[in-house]
Amino acid sequence: MAKTFKLFVLTAIALIFSASSLYSYYRDLEVVGYVSATIKTIGWASSELEMEVLKFDQALTALSANTADEEFVQLRYELLLSRINMLLVGNESRPLREQPGVLPVLENMWQELIAQEDRVYALTADNRADIIALRQNLAYFRPLARQINVDSFSGDNVWSQLDSIDDTRFRSSIYLGGLLLSGG
């Protein structure tokens, strides 16, 4: 009777430990998934920002060369403006905004683009001086958008997130090793 009770208690302890280890393992996998998705989201958002800044600049250049029309420039302007707005308020882009120095750049870019809205909609291919002036006003943001993009792939924050993923995977392996040892 006492042996049966001891066996029952040991089995219960082993089952509780196993369940706890499996729960911890799956929670760690969720953390790894979240951090990986965050890294991908930040990378995508920063790439899209830089691409839209460059496309708007190229549209202005094309307009001055008379290879694009005013509607194309206005479309590129609206796409850039909507991209920045999404980065400023979007829930998925919150990790990008939280990176050091990104939010002020986005806010300044937004304000500058809004301030230039009338000018953008008044542009014509014949008015090269306004096109050049607009490009010069926005030239400040091209390297900043590039820097945000580069930092999102190689900045300190990314490396700490990757270290976190490795640490979580290592701990999960330890948990499973402990589970196997206790089961043995």
N, C-alpha and C. Protein backbone atom coordinates (compact mmCIF):
# COMPACT_ATOMS: atom_id res chain seq x y z
N MET A 1 0.81 -1.19 0.00
CA MET A 1 0.00 0.00 0.00
C MET A 1 0.86 1.26 0.00
N ALA A 2 1.93 1.27 0.85
CA ALA A 2 2.80 2.43 0.93
C ALA A 2 3.59 2.59 -0.36
N LYS A 3 3.97 1.45 -0.98
CA LYS A 3 4.69 1.52 -2.25
C LYS A 3 3.79 2.07 -3.34
N THR A 4 2.55 1.70 -3.36
CA THR A 4 1.60 2.18 -4.36
C THR A 4 1.39 3.69 -4.19
N PHE A 5 1.29 4.12 -2.94
CA PHE A 5 1.11 5.56 -2.68
C PHE A 5 2.34 6.35 -3.14
N LYS A 6 3.55 5.84 -2.83
CA LYS A 6 4.78 6.52 -3.25
C LYS A 6 4.87 6.58 -4.78
N LEU A 7 4.52 5.47 -5.43
CA LEU A 7 4.55 5.43 -6.89
C LEU A 7 3.55 6.44 -7.46
N PHE A 8 2.39 6.54 -6.84
CA PHE A 8 1.37 7.51 -7.28
C PHE A 8 1.88 8.94 -7.12
N VAL A 9 2.50 9.24 -5.97
CA VAL A 9 3.04 10.59 -5.73
C VAL A 9 4.15 10.91 -6.71
N LEU A 10 5.07 9.98 -6.94
CA LEU A 10 6.17 10.20 -7.89
C LEU A 10 5.64 10.40 -9.31
N THR A 11 4.64 9.63 -9.68
CA THR A 11 4.04 9.77 -11.01
C THR A 11 3.38 11.14 -11.14
N ALA A 12 2.66 11.56 -10.09
CA ALA A 12 2.01 12.87 -10.11
C ALA A 12 3.05 13.99 -10.23
N ILE A 13 4.14 13.88 -9.48
CA ILE A 13 5.20 14.89 -9.55
C ILE A 13 5.81 14.93 -10.95
N ALA A 14 6.07 13.76 -11.52
CA ALA A 14 6.64 13.70 -12.87
C ALA A 14 5.69 14.31 -13.89
N LEU A 15 4.40 14.04 -13.75
CA LEU A 15 3.41 14.61 -14.68
C LEU A 15 3.30 16.12 -14.54
N ILE A 16 3.32 16.60 -13.30
CA ILE A 16 3.26 18.06 -13.08
C ILE A 16 4.50 18.73 -13.65
N PHE A 17 5.66 18.15 -13.41
CA PHE A 17 6.90 18.70 -13.94
C PHE A 17 6.88 18.69 -15.48
N SER A 18 6.41 17.59 -16.05
CA SER A 18 6.33 17.48 -17.51
C SER A 18 5.39 18.53 -18.08
N ALA A 19 4.23 18.68 -17.47
CA ALA A 19 3.27 19.68 -17.94
C ALA A 19 3.85 21.08 -17.81
N SER A 20 4.49 21.34 -16.72
CA SER A 20 5.11 22.65 -16.50
C SER A 20 6.21 22.92 -17.53
N SER A 21 7.02 21.94 -17.81
CA SER A 21 8.10 22.10 -18.79
C SER A 21 7.54 22.33 -20.19
N LEU A 22 6.54 21.56 -20.55
CA LEU A 22 5.92 21.74 -21.87
C LEU A 22 5.27 23.12 -21.99
N TYR A 23 4.61 23.55 -20.94
CA TYR A 23 3.99 24.88 -20.95
C TYR A 23 5.06 25.97 -21.13
N SER A 24 6.15 25.85 -20.38
CA SER A 24 7.24 26.82 -20.50
C SER A 24 7.84 26.79 -21.90
N TYR A 25 8.00 25.61 -22.44
CA TYR A 25 8.56 25.47 -23.78
C TYR A 25 7.67 26.17 -24.81
N TYR A 26 6.38 25.94 -24.74
CA TYR A 26 5.46 26.57 -25.70
C TYR A 26 5.37 28.08 -25.50
N ARG A 27 5.45 28.54 -24.29
CA ARG A 27 5.47 29.99 -24.03
C ARG A 27 6.73 30.61 -24.62
N ASP A 28 7.85 29.92 -24.45
CA ASP A 28 9.09 30.42 -25.03
C ASP A 28 9.01 30.47 -26.56
N LEU A 29 8.38 29.47 -27.15
CA LEU A 29 8.20 29.48 -28.60
C LEU A 29 7.33 30.66 -29.03
N GLU A 30 6.33 31.01 -28.24
CA GLU A 30 5.50 32.17 -28.54
C GLU A 30 6.32 33.45 -28.48
N VAL A 31 7.20 33.56 -27.49
CA VAL A 31 8.06 34.74 -27.37
C VAL A 31 8.98 34.84 -28.58
N VAL A 32 9.58 33.71 -28.96
CA VAL A 32 10.45 33.70 -30.13
C VAL A 32 9.67 34.12 -31.37
N GLY A 33 8.46 33.62 -31.52
CA GLY A 33 7.63 33.99 -32.66
C GLY A 33 7.31 35.47 -32.66
N TYR A 34 6.99 36.02 -31.50
CA TYR A 34 6.66 37.44 -31.40
C TYR A 34 7.87 38.31 -31.74
N VAL A 35 9.02 37.98 -31.16
CA VAL A 35 10.23 38.78 -31.42
C VAL A 35 10.62 38.68 -32.90
N SER A 36 10.53 37.48 -33.47
CA SER A 36 10.85 37.33 -34.89
C SER A 36 9.91 38.15 -35.75
N ALA A 37 8.61 38.11 -35.43
CA ALA A 37 7.64 38.90 -36.20
C ALA A 37 7.90 40.39 -36.04
N THR A 38 8.29 40.81 -34.85
CA THR A 38 8.59 42.23 -34.61
C THR A 38 9.79 42.67 -35.45
N ILE A 39 10.82 41.85 -35.50
CA ILE A 39 11.99 42.18 -36.30
C ILE A 39 11.60 42.31 -37.77
N LYS A 40 10.80 41.38 -38.24
CA LYS A 40 10.36 41.42 -39.65
C LYS A 40 9.50 42.64 -39.92
N THR A 41 8.61 42.97 -39.00
CA THR A 41 7.74 44.13 -39.17
C THR A 41 8.54 45.42 -39.22
N ILE A 42 9.50 45.56 -38.33
CA ILE A 42 10.33 46.75 -38.30
C ILE A 42 11.13 46.86 -39.60
N GLY A 43 11.69 45.76 -40.03
CA GLY A 43 12.46 45.75 -41.27
C GLY A 43 11.61 46.13 -42.47
N TRP A 44 10.41 45.57 -42.53
CA TRP A 44 9.52 45.87 -43.65
C TRP A 44 9.10 47.34 -43.62
N ALA A 45 8.69 47.82 -42.45
CA ALA A 45 8.22 49.21 -42.34
C ALA A 45 9.32 50.20 -42.69
N SER A 46 10.53 49.95 -42.21
CA SER A 46 11.62 50.88 -42.50
C SER A 46 12.01 50.84 -43.98
N SER A 47 11.96 49.66 -44.58
CA SER A 47 12.25 49.55 -46.02
C SER A 47 11.22 50.29 -46.84
N GLU A 48 9.96 50.15 -46.46
CA GLU A 48 8.88 50.83 -47.19
C GLU A 48 9.01 52.35 -47.05
N LEU A 49 9.39 52.82 -45.89
CA LEU A 49 9.57 54.26 -45.70
C LEU A 49 10.66 54.77 -46.63
N GLU A 50 11.81 54.13 -46.62
CA GLU A 50 12.90 54.59 -47.48
C GLU A 50 12.49 54.51 -48.95
N MET A 51 11.81 53.44 -49.33
CA MET A 51 11.40 53.29 -50.72
C MET A 51 10.44 54.41 -51.15
N GLU A 52 9.49 54.74 -50.28
CA GLU A 52 8.52 55.79 -50.64
C GLU A 52 9.19 57.17 -50.72
N VAL A 53 10.15 57.43 -49.85
CA VAL A 53 10.89 58.70 -49.91
C VAL A 53 11.62 58.79 -51.24
N LEU A 54 12.29 57.70 -51.62
CA LEU A 54 13.03 57.68 -52.89
C LEU A 54 12.10 57.77 -54.10
N LYS A 55 10.98 57.10 -54.04
CA LYS A 55 10.04 57.14 -55.17
C LYS A 55 9.45 58.54 -55.35
N PHE A 56 9.18 59.22 -54.26
CA PHE A 56 8.67 60.59 -54.38
C PHE A 56 9.75 61.50 -54.98
N ASP A 57 10.98 61.34 -54.52
CA ASP A 57 12.08 62.11 -55.06
C ASP A 57 12.27 61.81 -56.56
N GLN A 58 12.17 60.55 -56.94
CA GLN A 58 12.29 60.17 -58.35
C GLN A 58 11.14 60.74 -59.18
N ALA A 59 9.95 60.78 -58.59
CA ALA A 59 8.80 61.35 -59.30
C ALA A 59 9.02 62.84 -59.57
N LEU A 60 9.59 63.53 -58.58
CA LEU A 60 9.90 64.95 -58.79
C LEU A 60 10.93 65.12 -59.91
N THR A 61 11.94 64.27 -59.91
CA THR A 61 12.97 64.32 -60.95
C THR A 61 12.35 64.03 -62.32
N ALA A 62 11.47 63.04 -62.37
CA ALA A 62 10.82 62.69 -63.63
C ALA A 62 9.93 63.83 -64.13
N LEU A 63 9.28 64.51 -63.21
CA LEU A 63 8.45 65.65 -63.60
C LEU A 63 9.31 66.76 -64.20
N SER A 64 10.44 67.04 -63.58
CA SER A 64 11.31 68.09 -64.10
C SER A 64 11.92 67.71 -65.44
N ALA A 65 12.07 66.40 -65.70
CA ALA A 65 12.59 65.93 -66.98
C ALA A 65 11.47 65.74 -68.00
N ASN A 66 10.25 66.01 -67.56
CA ASN A 66 9.06 65.89 -68.41
C ASN A 66 8.81 64.44 -68.85
N THR A 67 9.18 63.49 -67.99
CA THR A 67 8.91 62.08 -68.28
C THR A 67 7.80 61.53 -67.39
N ALA A 68 7.25 62.37 -66.54
CA ALA A 68 6.10 62.01 -65.70
C ALA A 68 5.21 63.23 -65.61
N ASP A 69 3.94 62.98 -65.29
CA ASP A 69 3.02 64.11 -65.18
C ASP A 69 2.77 64.47 -63.72
N GLU A 70 2.02 65.54 -63.53
CA GLU A 70 1.74 66.06 -62.19
C GLU A 70 0.96 65.06 -61.35
N GLU A 71 0.07 64.30 -61.98
CA GLU A 71 -0.73 63.32 -61.24
C GLU A 71 0.15 62.22 -60.64
N PHE A 72 1.18 61.84 -61.36
CA PHE A 72 2.10 60.83 -60.84
C PHE A 72 2.83 61.35 -59.61
N VAL A 73 3.27 62.59 -59.65
CA VAL A 73 3.94 63.20 -58.49
C VAL A 73 2.97 63.26 -57.31
N GLN A 74 1.74 63.67 -57.59
CA GLN A 74 0.74 63.76 -56.52
C GLN A 74 0.46 62.38 -55.92
N LEU A 75 0.41 61.35 -56.76
CA LEU A 75 0.20 59.99 -56.26
C LEU A 75 1.35 59.56 -55.35
N ARG A 76 2.59 59.81 -55.79
CA ARG A 76 3.76 59.45 -54.98
C ARG A 76 3.76 60.22 -53.66
N TYR A 77 3.35 61.48 -53.72
CA TYR A 77 3.25 62.31 -52.51
C TYR A 77 2.23 61.70 -51.54
N GLU A 78 1.07 61.36 -52.05
CA GLU A 78 0.02 60.78 -51.20
C GLU A 78 0.44 59.44 -50.62
N LEU A 79 1.13 58.64 -51.41
CA LEU A 79 1.60 57.35 -50.89
C LEU A 79 2.63 57.54 -49.79
N LEU A 80 3.54 58.49 -49.99
CA LEU A 80 4.54 58.78 -48.95
C LEU A 80 3.86 59.30 -47.69
N LEU A 81 2.93 60.21 -47.86
CA LEU A 81 2.22 60.77 -46.72
C LEU A 81 1.45 59.68 -45.97
N SER A 82 0.79 58.79 -46.70
CA SER A 82 0.03 57.72 -46.03
C SER A 82 0.96 56.73 -45.35
N ARG A 83 2.13 56.47 -45.94
CA ARG A 83 3.10 55.57 -45.32
C ARG A 83 3.57 56.15 -43.98
N ILE A 84 3.90 57.44 -43.98
CA ILE A 84 4.37 58.07 -42.75
C ILE A 84 3.26 58.09 -41.70
N ASN A 85 2.04 58.38 -42.14
CA ASN A 85 0.91 58.38 -41.21
C ASN A 85 0.73 57.00 -40.58
N MET A 86 0.83 55.97 -41.40
CA MET A 86 0.69 54.61 -40.88
C MET A 86 1.80 54.31 -39.87
N LEU A 87 3.01 54.78 -40.15
CA LEU A 87 4.11 54.55 -39.22
C LEU A 87 3.94 55.34 -37.94
N LEU A 88 3.28 56.48 -38.02
CA LEU A 88 3.06 57.30 -36.83
C LEU A 88 1.95 56.75 -35.93
N VAL A 89 0.92 56.17 -36.51
CA VAL A 89 -0.23 55.76 -35.70
C VAL A 89 -0.54 54.27 -35.75
N GLY A 90 0.03 53.56 -36.69
CA GLY A 90 -0.30 52.14 -36.84
C GLY A 90 0.17 51.31 -35.66
N ASN A 91 -0.64 50.35 -35.28
CA ASN A 91 -0.30 49.48 -34.15
C ASN A 91 0.88 48.57 -34.48
N GLU A 92 0.90 48.07 -35.71
CA GLU A 92 1.97 47.16 -36.09
C GLU A 92 3.32 47.87 -36.22
N SER A 93 3.29 49.17 -36.45
CA SER A 93 4.54 49.91 -36.63
C SER A 93 5.06 50.50 -35.32
N ARG A 94 4.38 50.22 -34.22
CA ARG A 94 4.81 50.72 -32.92
C ARG A 94 6.25 50.35 -32.60
N PRO A 95 6.70 49.10 -32.87
CA PRO A 95 8.10 48.77 -32.56
C PRO A 95 9.10 49.65 -33.33
N LEU A 96 8.76 50.06 -34.54
CA LEU A 96 9.65 50.95 -35.29
C LEU A 96 9.69 52.33 -34.64
N ARG A 97 8.51 52.85 -34.27
CA ARG A 97 8.45 54.17 -33.62
C ARG A 97 9.22 54.20 -32.32
N GLU A 98 9.27 53.08 -31.62
CA GLU A 98 9.91 53.01 -30.32
C GLU A 98 11.43 52.93 -30.40
N GLN A 99 11.96 52.74 -31.59
CA GLN A 99 13.41 52.73 -31.72
C GLN A 99 13.93 54.15 -31.51
N PRO A 100 15.11 54.27 -30.91
CA PRO A 100 15.65 55.60 -30.58
C PRO A 100 15.76 56.50 -31.82
N GLY A 101 15.19 57.71 -31.69
CA GLY A 101 15.31 58.72 -32.72
C GLY A 101 14.35 58.61 -33.89
N VAL A 102 13.58 57.54 -33.99
CA VAL A 102 12.72 57.34 -35.15
C VAL A 102 11.48 58.23 -35.10
N LEU A 103 10.83 58.30 -33.95
CA LEU A 103 9.59 59.08 -33.86
C LEU A 103 9.78 60.55 -34.21
N PRO A 104 10.81 61.23 -33.70
CA PRO A 104 11.00 62.63 -34.10
C PRO A 104 11.23 62.80 -35.61
N VAL A 105 11.93 61.88 -36.21
CA VAL A 105 12.16 61.96 -37.66
C VAL A 105 10.83 61.83 -38.40
N LEU A 106 10.03 60.85 -38.00
CA LEU A 106 8.73 60.65 -38.65
C LEU A 106 7.83 61.88 -38.47
N GLU A 107 7.81 62.42 -37.26
CA GLU A 107 6.97 63.61 -37.01
C GLU A 107 7.45 64.81 -37.82
N ASN A 108 8.76 65.02 -37.89
CA ASN A 108 9.30 66.13 -38.68
C ASN A 108 9.01 65.95 -40.17
N MET A 109 9.17 64.72 -40.64
CA MET A 109 8.90 64.44 -42.04
C MET A 109 7.43 64.69 -42.36
N TRP A 110 6.56 64.25 -41.48
CA TRP A 110 5.12 64.46 -41.64
C TRP A 110 4.81 65.95 -41.72
N GLN A 111 5.33 66.71 -40.78
CA GLN A 111 5.07 68.15 -40.74
C GLN A 111 5.60 68.85 -41.99
N GLU A 112 6.78 68.47 -42.44
CA GLU A 112 7.36 69.08 -43.64
C GLU A 112 6.53 68.75 -44.87
N LEU A 113 6.09 67.52 -44.98
CA LEU A 113 5.27 67.14 -46.14
C LEU A 113 3.92 67.86 -46.13
N ILE A 114 3.31 67.97 -44.96
CA ILE A 114 2.04 68.69 -44.86
C ILE A 114 2.25 70.16 -45.22
N ALA A 115 3.35 70.74 -44.78
CA ALA A 115 3.65 72.15 -45.09
C ALA A 115 3.86 72.35 -46.59
N GLN A 116 4.29 71.31 -47.30
CA GLN A 116 4.57 71.42 -48.73
C GLN A 116 3.39 70.97 -49.61
N GLU A 117 2.27 70.62 -49.00
CA GLU A 117 1.16 70.04 -49.76
C GLU A 117 0.67 70.95 -50.89
N ASP A 118 0.42 72.22 -50.59
CA ASP A 118 -0.05 73.14 -51.63
C ASP A 118 0.97 73.25 -52.76
N ARG A 119 2.21 73.28 -52.38
CA ARG A 119 3.29 73.38 -53.37
C ARG A 119 3.31 72.16 -54.28
N VAL A 120 3.14 70.97 -53.70
CA VAL A 120 3.15 69.73 -54.49
C VAL A 120 2.00 69.74 -55.49
N TYR A 121 0.81 70.14 -55.04
CA TYR A 121 -0.35 70.12 -55.94
C TYR A 121 -0.33 71.24 -56.97
N ALA A 122 0.55 72.21 -56.79
CA ALA A 122 0.67 73.30 -57.77
C ALA A 122 1.81 73.07 -58.76
N LEU A 123 2.58 72.01 -58.57
CA LEU A 123 3.72 71.76 -59.44
C LEU A 123 3.30 71.48 -60.88
N THR A 124 4.11 71.99 -61.79
CA THR A 124 3.98 71.66 -63.21
C THR A 124 5.37 71.36 -63.73
N ALA A 125 5.43 70.66 -64.84
CA ALA A 125 6.72 70.30 -65.44
C ALA A 125 7.50 71.55 -65.84
N ASP A 126 6.81 72.63 -66.15
CA ASP A 126 7.47 73.86 -66.57
C ASP A 126 8.13 74.61 -65.42
N ASN A 127 7.73 74.32 -64.20
CA ASN A 127 8.23 75.07 -63.05
C ASN A 127 9.36 74.31 -62.36
N ARG A 128 10.50 74.23 -63.04
CA ARG A 128 11.65 73.47 -62.53
C ARG A 128 12.21 74.07 -61.25
N ALA A 129 12.12 75.37 -61.11
CA ALA A 129 12.65 76.02 -59.91
C ALA A 129 11.91 75.54 -58.66
N ASP A 130 10.59 75.40 -58.73
CA ASP A 130 9.81 74.91 -57.59
C ASP A 130 10.12 73.43 -57.31
N ILE A 131 10.32 72.67 -58.37
CA ILE A 131 10.65 71.26 -58.20
C ILE A 131 11.99 71.12 -57.49
N ILE A 132 12.97 71.89 -57.94
CA ILE A 132 14.30 71.85 -57.32
C ILE A 132 14.22 72.31 -55.87
N ALA A 133 13.47 73.36 -55.61
CA ALA A 133 13.33 73.86 -54.24
C ALA A 133 12.66 72.81 -53.34
N LEU A 134 11.64 72.16 -53.85
CA LEU A 134 10.95 71.12 -53.08
C LEU A 134 11.89 69.95 -52.80
N ARG A 135 12.64 69.54 -53.80
CA ARG A 135 13.61 68.45 -53.60
C ARG A 135 14.64 68.84 -52.56
N GLN A 136 15.08 70.08 -52.57
CA GLN A 136 16.06 70.53 -51.58
C GLN A 136 15.46 70.57 -50.17
N ASN A 137 14.21 70.96 -50.06
CA ASN A 137 13.54 70.97 -48.74
C ASN A 137 13.43 69.56 -48.17
N LEU A 138 13.22 68.60 -49.04
CA LEU A 138 13.02 67.22 -48.59
C LEU A 138 14.32 66.41 -48.59
N ALA A 139 15.39 66.97 -49.11
CA ALA A 139 16.67 66.25 -49.18
C ALA A 139 17.18 65.84 -47.80
N TYR A 140 16.85 66.62 -46.81
CA TYR A 140 17.26 66.33 -45.43
C TYR A 140 16.76 64.96 -44.97
N PHE A 141 15.60 64.54 -45.47
CA PHE A 141 14.97 63.32 -44.98
C PHE A 141 15.45 62.06 -45.69
N ARG A 142 16.04 62.18 -46.87
CA ARG A 142 16.50 60.98 -47.58
C ARG A 142 17.54 60.22 -46.77
N PRO A 143 18.60 60.87 -46.28
CA PRO A 143 19.57 60.09 -45.48
C PRO A 143 18.99 59.61 -44.15
N LEU A 144 18.04 60.36 -43.59
CA LEU A 144 17.44 59.91 -42.32
C LEU A 144 16.60 58.66 -42.53
N ALA A 145 15.84 58.61 -43.63
CA ALA A 145 15.06 57.41 -43.94
C ALA A 145 16.00 56.23 -44.18
N ARG A 146 17.11 56.50 -44.84
CA ARG A 146 18.11 55.44 -45.08
C ARG A 146 18.69 54.95 -43.76
N GLN A 147 19.00 55.88 -42.87
CA GLN A 147 19.58 55.50 -41.58
C GLN A 147 18.60 54.67 -40.75
N ILE A 148 17.33 55.05 -40.77
CA ILE A 148 16.32 54.26 -40.05
C ILE A 148 16.28 52.85 -40.61
N ASN A 149 16.34 52.74 -41.93
CA ASN A 149 16.31 51.43 -42.57
C ASN A 149 17.54 50.60 -42.20
N VAL A 150 18.71 51.19 -42.26
CA VAL A 150 19.94 50.47 -41.92
C VAL A 150 19.91 50.06 -40.45
N ASP A 151 19.50 50.98 -39.58
CA ASP A 151 19.46 50.66 -38.15
C ASP A 151 18.46 49.56 -37.83
N SER A 152 17.38 49.48 -38.61
CA SER A 152 16.39 48.45 -38.32
C SER A 152 16.91 47.06 -38.64
N PHE A 153 17.94 46.98 -39.49
CA PHE A 153 18.52 45.68 -39.81
C PHE A 153 19.81 45.40 -39.07
N SER A 154 20.48 46.45 -38.59
CA SER A 154 21.78 46.22 -37.98
C SER A 154 22.00 47.00 -36.69
N GLY A 155 20.99 47.68 -36.20
CA GLY A 155 21.14 48.48 -34.99
C GLY A 155 21.25 47.63 -33.73
N ASP A 156 21.60 48.28 -32.64
CA ASP A 156 21.76 47.59 -31.36
C ASP A 156 20.48 46.89 -30.92
N ASN A 157 19.33 47.51 -31.19
CA ASN A 157 18.05 46.94 -30.80
C ASN A 157 17.82 45.59 -31.48
N VAL A 158 18.18 45.49 -32.75
CA VAL A 158 18.00 44.23 -33.48
C VAL A 158 18.89 43.15 -32.88
N TRP A 159 20.14 43.52 -32.59
CA TRP A 159 21.05 42.52 -32.03
C TRP A 159 20.57 42.05 -30.66
N SER A 160 20.02 42.93 -29.86
CA SER A 160 19.51 42.50 -28.55
C SER A 160 18.29 41.59 -28.72
N GLN A 161 17.46 41.87 -29.73
CA GLN A 161 16.31 41.00 -29.99
C GLN A 161 16.77 39.63 -30.48
N LEU A 162 17.77 39.61 -31.35
CA LEU A 162 18.29 38.33 -31.82
C LEU A 162 18.94 37.55 -30.67
N ASP A 163 19.63 38.25 -29.78
CA ASP A 163 20.19 37.59 -28.60
C ASP A 163 19.09 37.03 -27.73
N SER A 164 17.99 37.75 -27.62
CA SER A 164 16.85 37.29 -26.84
C SER A 164 16.27 36.01 -27.43
N ILE A 165 16.20 35.95 -28.76
CA ILE A 165 15.70 34.74 -29.42
C ILE A 165 16.62 33.57 -29.12
N ASP A 166 17.93 33.78 -29.26
CA ASP A 166 18.88 32.70 -28.99
C ASP A 166 18.80 32.25 -27.53
N ASP A 167 18.67 33.20 -26.62
CA ASP A 167 18.58 32.87 -25.20
C ASP A 167 17.31 32.06 -24.92
N THR A 168 16.22 32.47 -25.52
CA THR A 168 14.96 31.76 -25.31
C THR A 168 15.04 30.34 -25.87
N ARG A 169 15.62 30.20 -27.04
CA ARG A 169 15.77 28.86 -27.62
C ARG A 169 16.67 27.99 -26.74
N PHE A 170 17.74 28.56 -26.21
CA PHE A 170 18.64 27.83 -25.33
C PHE A 170 17.90 27.36 -24.08
N ARG A 171 17.15 28.29 -23.45
CA ARG A 171 16.40 27.92 -22.24
C ARG A 171 15.38 26.84 -22.53
N SER A 172 14.73 26.92 -23.69
CA SER A 172 13.76 25.89 -24.05
C SER A 172 14.42 24.53 -24.17
N SER A 173 15.61 24.50 -24.73
CA SER A 173 16.35 23.24 -24.85
C SER A 173 16.70 22.69 -23.47
N ILE A 174 17.07 23.59 -22.56
CA ILE A 174 17.39 23.17 -21.19
C ILE A 174 16.14 22.57 -20.53
N TYR A 175 14.99 23.22 -20.72
CA TYR A 175 13.75 22.71 -20.13
C TYR A 175 13.45 21.30 -20.65
N LEU A 176 13.59 21.13 -21.96
CA LEU A 176 13.30 19.82 -22.51
C LEU A 176 14.33 18.78 -22.04
N GLY A 177 15.58 19.20 -21.93
CA GLY A 177 16.61 18.29 -21.39
C GLY A 177 16.27 17.88 -19.96
N GLY A 178 15.83 18.85 -19.17
CA GLY A 178 15.43 18.55 -17.79
C GLY A 178 14.24 17.61 -17.76
N LEU A 179 13.33 17.81 -18.67
CA LEU A 179 12.17 16.94 -18.76
C LEU A 179 12.59 15.50 -19.07
N LEU A 180 13.49 15.35 -20.03
CA LEU A 180 13.95 14.02 -20.39
C LEU A 180 14.71 13.36 -19.24
N LEU A 181 15.54 14.15 -18.56
CA LEU A 181 16.29 13.59 -17.43
C LEU A 181 15.36 13.17 -16.29
N SER A 182 14.39 14.02 -16.00
CA SER A 182 13.47 13.67 -14.91
C SER A 182 12.61 12.49 -15.27
N GLY A 183 12.24 12.43 -16.54
CA GLY A 183 11.47 11.26 -16.98
C GLY A 183 12.28 9.98 -16.89
N GLY A 184 13.59 10.12 -17.20
CA GLY A 184 14.48 8.93 -17.10
C GLY A 184 14.66 8.53 -15.66
